[in-house]
Amino acid sequence: MTNALWYFGRGFGVSALVLFTLSVVLGIVTRSGRHLPGLPRFAVTTVHRTASLSAVLFLALHVATLLFDPYAQLRLIDLVVPFVATYRPLWQGLGTLAADLALVLVLSSLLRHRIGLRGWRTVHWAAYLCWPVAVAHALGTGTDGQTGWLLLVVAGCALLVVGAIGWRMASPTFAPPAAPQRVAPPRDLAGLP
């Protein structure tokens, strides 16, 4: 049973990372204001929301599984307060920080109608911090941090996020406004009163 908890915990963590990556990518794409080929904008938003909620579910499973795993030696305080863990405190603290930020994102989304769109967007910027912190946690804390398969998963996630950022920056909303063009005066006004 002990090994099962460890394997499930790792699997849930990697699944959460992939789903958070999908959520970040779709969030960036949605904000680009451009049409994503094959999907209407409302569908991209719906998939973004579903991926986010699924990522949070897998994150909760990751944490709960490792909480009961005797090898991980997590304490309840380690789930809330970053950098106090006994096992790899820096790397685990990054995971705790990412989980705390994810919780803030979820709560702000649930309270969106109360805090307003501007407040929600301001808090939502934390997603840009949450994702790389989670990646660092995945690479630094686990026993799989330097294995080929995890490095491939992380590289794929990073390529997707960088590609989405490129997509966003290439959108017309990021293009500098065109400089006004001088119009030459008409040359031949003969025959006009």
Protein backbone atom coordinates (compact mmCIF):
# COMPACT_ATOMS: atom_id res chain seq x y z
CA MET A 1 0.00 0.00 0.00
CA THR A 2 2.86 2.37 0.78
CA ASN A 3 4.26 2.18 -2.74
CA ALA A 4 0.79 2.68 -4.18
CA LEU A 5 0.37 5.96 -2.33
CA TRP A 6 3.74 7.15 -3.56
CA TYR A 7 2.97 6.25 -7.19
CA PHE A 8 -0.51 7.76 -7.04
CA GLY A 9 0.87 10.92 -5.45
CA ARG A 10 3.45 11.34 -8.20
CA GLY A 11 0.93 10.56 -10.93
CA PHE A 12 -1.61 13.01 -9.56
CA GLY A 13 1.10 15.67 -9.33
CA VAL A 14 2.24 15.25 -12.93
CA SER A 15 -1.38 15.18 -14.10
CA ALA A 16 -2.04 18.41 -12.19
CA LEU A 17 0.99 20.03 -13.84
CA VAL A 18 -0.21 19.05 -17.32
CA LEU A 19 -3.72 20.31 -16.58
CA PHE A 20 -2.41 23.58 -15.10
CA THR A 21 -0.31 23.99 -18.25
CA LEU A 22 -3.40 23.51 -20.40
CA SER A 23 -5.25 26.02 -18.24
CA VAL A 24 -2.46 28.62 -18.54
CA VAL A 25 -2.22 28.10 -22.30
CA LEU A 26 -5.97 28.45 -22.79
CA GLY A 27 -6.07 31.48 -20.50
CA ILE A 28 -3.37 33.18 -22.58
CA VAL A 29 -5.10 32.22 -25.83
CA THR A 30 -8.44 33.51 -24.57
CA ARG A 31 -6.92 36.87 -23.66
CA SER A 32 -5.32 37.21 -27.10
CA GLY A 33 -8.69 38.20 -28.54
CA ARG A 34 -7.95 36.06 -31.57
CA HIS A 35 -9.92 33.11 -32.84
CA LEU A 36 -8.42 29.71 -32.11
CA PRO A 37 -8.82 27.53 -35.20
CA GLY A 38 -11.50 24.90 -34.72
CA LEU A 39 -13.00 26.29 -31.51
CA PRO A 40 -15.27 29.24 -30.87
CA ARG A 41 -14.13 31.57 -28.09
CA PHE A 42 -16.82 30.40 -25.63
CA ALA A 43 -15.59 26.81 -26.08
CA VAL A 44 -11.99 27.85 -25.31
CA THR A 45 -13.22 29.60 -22.16
CA THR A 46 -15.23 26.54 -21.13
CA VAL A 47 -12.31 24.18 -21.70
CA HIS A 48 -10.06 26.61 -19.77
CA ARG A 49 -12.44 26.56 -16.81
CA THR A 50 -12.81 22.78 -16.93
CA ALA A 51 -9.04 22.24 -17.17
CA SER A 52 -8.51 24.61 -14.23
CA LEU A 53 -11.01 22.83 -12.03
CA SER A 54 -9.63 19.43 -13.04
CA ALA A 55 -6.11 20.64 -12.23
CA VAL A 56 -7.25 21.73 -8.78
CA LEU A 57 -8.88 18.34 -8.24
CA PHE A 58 -5.68 16.52 -9.23
CA LEU A 59 -3.67 18.89 -7.03
CA ALA A 60 -5.92 18.03 -4.08
CA LEU A 61 -5.48 14.31 -4.82
CA HIS A 62 -1.71 14.82 -5.09
CA VAL A 63 -1.55 16.54 -1.71
CA ALA A 64 -3.98 14.17 0.04
CA THR A 65 -2.23 11.07 -1.25
CA LEU A 66 1.20 12.30 -0.17
CA LEU A 67 -0.18 13.41 3.19
CA PHE A 68 -0.93 9.76 3.98
CA ASP A 69 2.26 8.44 2.40
CA PRO A 70 4.79 7.64 5.15
CA TYR A 71 7.74 8.30 2.83
CA ALA A 72 6.70 11.87 1.99
CA GLN A 73 6.37 12.76 5.68
CA LEU A 74 4.05 15.69 5.07
CA ARG A 75 2.55 17.45 8.04
CA LEU A 76 -0.63 19.51 7.93
CA ILE A 77 1.38 22.70 8.34
CA ASP A 78 3.43 21.78 5.25
CA LEU A 79 0.24 21.99 3.19
CA VAL A 80 -0.32 25.65 4.05
CA VAL A 81 2.95 27.26 5.15
CA PRO A 82 5.73 27.21 2.54
CA PHE A 83 9.35 26.28 3.30
CA VAL A 84 8.84 24.58 6.70
CA ALA A 85 8.86 20.96 5.50
CA THR A 86 11.44 18.53 6.80
CA TYR A 87 12.05 16.93 3.37
CA ARG A 88 13.58 19.27 0.77
CA PRO A 89 12.06 22.39 2.33
CA LEU A 90 12.85 24.73 -0.57
CA TRP A 91 11.36 22.52 -3.28
CA GLN A 92 8.42 21.40 -1.23
CA GLY A 93 7.87 25.00 -0.15
CA LEU A 94 7.56 25.96 -3.81
CA GLY A 95 4.85 23.33 -4.17
CA THR A 96 3.05 24.69 -1.13
CA LEU A 97 3.35 28.22 -2.51
CA ALA A 98 1.97 27.10 -5.88
CA ALA A 99 -0.91 25.31 -4.15
CA ASP A 100 -1.65 28.41 -2.05
CA LEU A 101 -1.68 30.57 -5.19
CA ALA A 102 -3.96 28.06 -6.93
CA LEU A 103 -6.32 28.24 -3.97
CA VAL A 104 -6.36 32.05 -4.19
CA LEU A 105 -7.15 31.79 -7.91
CA VAL A 106 -10.03 29.40 -7.27
CA LEU A 107 -11.45 31.56 -4.48
CA SER A 108 -11.18 34.72 -6.58
CA SER A 109 -13.01 32.98 -9.41
CA LEU A 110 -15.76 31.83 -7.06
CA LEU A 111 -16.06 35.39 -5.72
CA ARG A 112 -15.73 37.07 -9.12
CA HIS A 113 -19.17 38.65 -8.92
CA ARG A 114 -18.27 40.14 -5.50
CA ILE A 115 -14.78 41.43 -6.23
CA GLY A 116 -15.55 42.67 -9.74
CA LEU A 117 -13.83 42.00 -13.03
CA ARG A 118 -10.90 44.32 -12.35
CA GLY A 119 -10.16 42.74 -8.95
CA TRP A 120 -10.53 39.26 -10.37
CA ARG A 121 -8.12 40.02 -13.24
CA THR A 122 -5.61 41.49 -10.83
CA VAL A 123 -5.67 38.36 -8.68
CA HIS A 124 -5.65 36.17 -11.78
CA TRP A 125 -2.21 37.50 -12.67
CA ALA A 126 -0.99 35.17 -9.90
CA ALA A 127 -1.41 32.33 -12.40
CA TYR A 128 1.68 33.60 -14.20
CA LEU A 129 3.63 33.10 -10.98
CA CYS A 130 1.90 29.88 -9.94
CA TRP A 131 2.80 27.89 -13.06
CA PRO A 132 6.62 28.30 -13.06
CA VAL A 133 6.70 27.78 -9.29
CA ALA A 134 4.83 24.50 -9.78
CA VAL A 135 7.28 23.48 -12.51
CA ALA A 136 10.23 24.20 -10.22
CA HIS A 137 8.55 22.12 -7.50
CA ALA A 138 8.06 19.22 -9.90
CA LEU A 139 11.71 19.26 -10.95
CA GLY A 140 13.17 19.76 -7.48
CA THR A 141 11.16 17.83 -4.95
CA GLY A 142 10.30 14.49 -6.41
CA THR A 143 12.36 11.41 -7.05
CA ASP A 144 11.54 11.77 -10.75
CA GLY A 145 12.90 15.30 -11.09
CA GLN A 146 15.78 14.33 -13.35
CA THR A 147 14.26 11.36 -15.16
CA GLY A 148 13.89 11.53 -18.91
CA TRP A 149 10.13 11.10 -18.98
CA LEU A 150 9.46 13.94 -16.51
CA LEU A 151 11.93 16.22 -18.26
CA LEU A 152 10.07 15.53 -21.53
CA VAL A 153 6.72 16.31 -19.89
CA VAL A 154 8.07 19.55 -18.42
CA ALA A 155 9.73 20.53 -21.71
CA GLY A 156 6.45 19.91 -23.55
CA CYS A 157 4.57 22.01 -21.00
CA ALA A 158 7.12 24.81 -21.29
CA LEU A 159 6.94 24.77 -25.10
CA LEU A 160 3.16 25.04 -24.97
CA VAL A 161 3.28 28.02 -22.60
CA VAL A 162 6.01 29.77 -24.62
CA GLY A 163 4.02 29.13 -27.81
CA ALA A 164 0.89 30.59 -26.24
CA ILE A 165 2.82 33.66 -25.09
CA GLY A 166 4.13 34.08 -28.66
CA TRP A 167 0.56 33.73 -29.96
CA ARG A 168 -0.61 36.37 -27.50
CA MET A 169 2.18 38.80 -28.28
CA ALA A 170 1.53 38.47 -32.00
CA SER A 171 -2.09 39.51 -31.52
CA PRO A 172 -3.19 42.93 -32.76
CA THR A 173 -3.70 44.15 -29.18
CA PHE A 174 0.09 43.93 -28.65
CA ALA A 175 0.97 45.63 -31.94
CA PRO A 176 2.11 49.22 -31.54
CA PRO A 177 -0.36 51.73 -32.92
CA ALA A 178 0.35 52.77 -36.45
CA ALA A 179 1.94 56.19 -36.79
CA PRO A 180 -0.31 58.68 -38.55
CA GLN A 181 0.55 59.01 -42.20
CA ARG A 182 1.00 62.41 -43.78
CA VAL A 183 -1.28 62.95 -46.70
CA ALA A 184 0.07 65.04 -49.52
CA PRO A 185 -2.15 67.94 -50.52
CA PRO A 186 -3.91 67.57 -53.86
CA ARG A 187 -1.84 68.94 -56.72
CA ASP A 188 -4.39 69.89 -59.26
CA LEU A 189 -7.38 71.76 -57.94
CA ALA A 190 -8.18 73.43 -61.26
CA GLY A 191 -11.85 73.71 -61.92
CA LEU A 192 -12.89 73.73 -58.26
CA PRO A 193 -14.58 76.86 -56.95
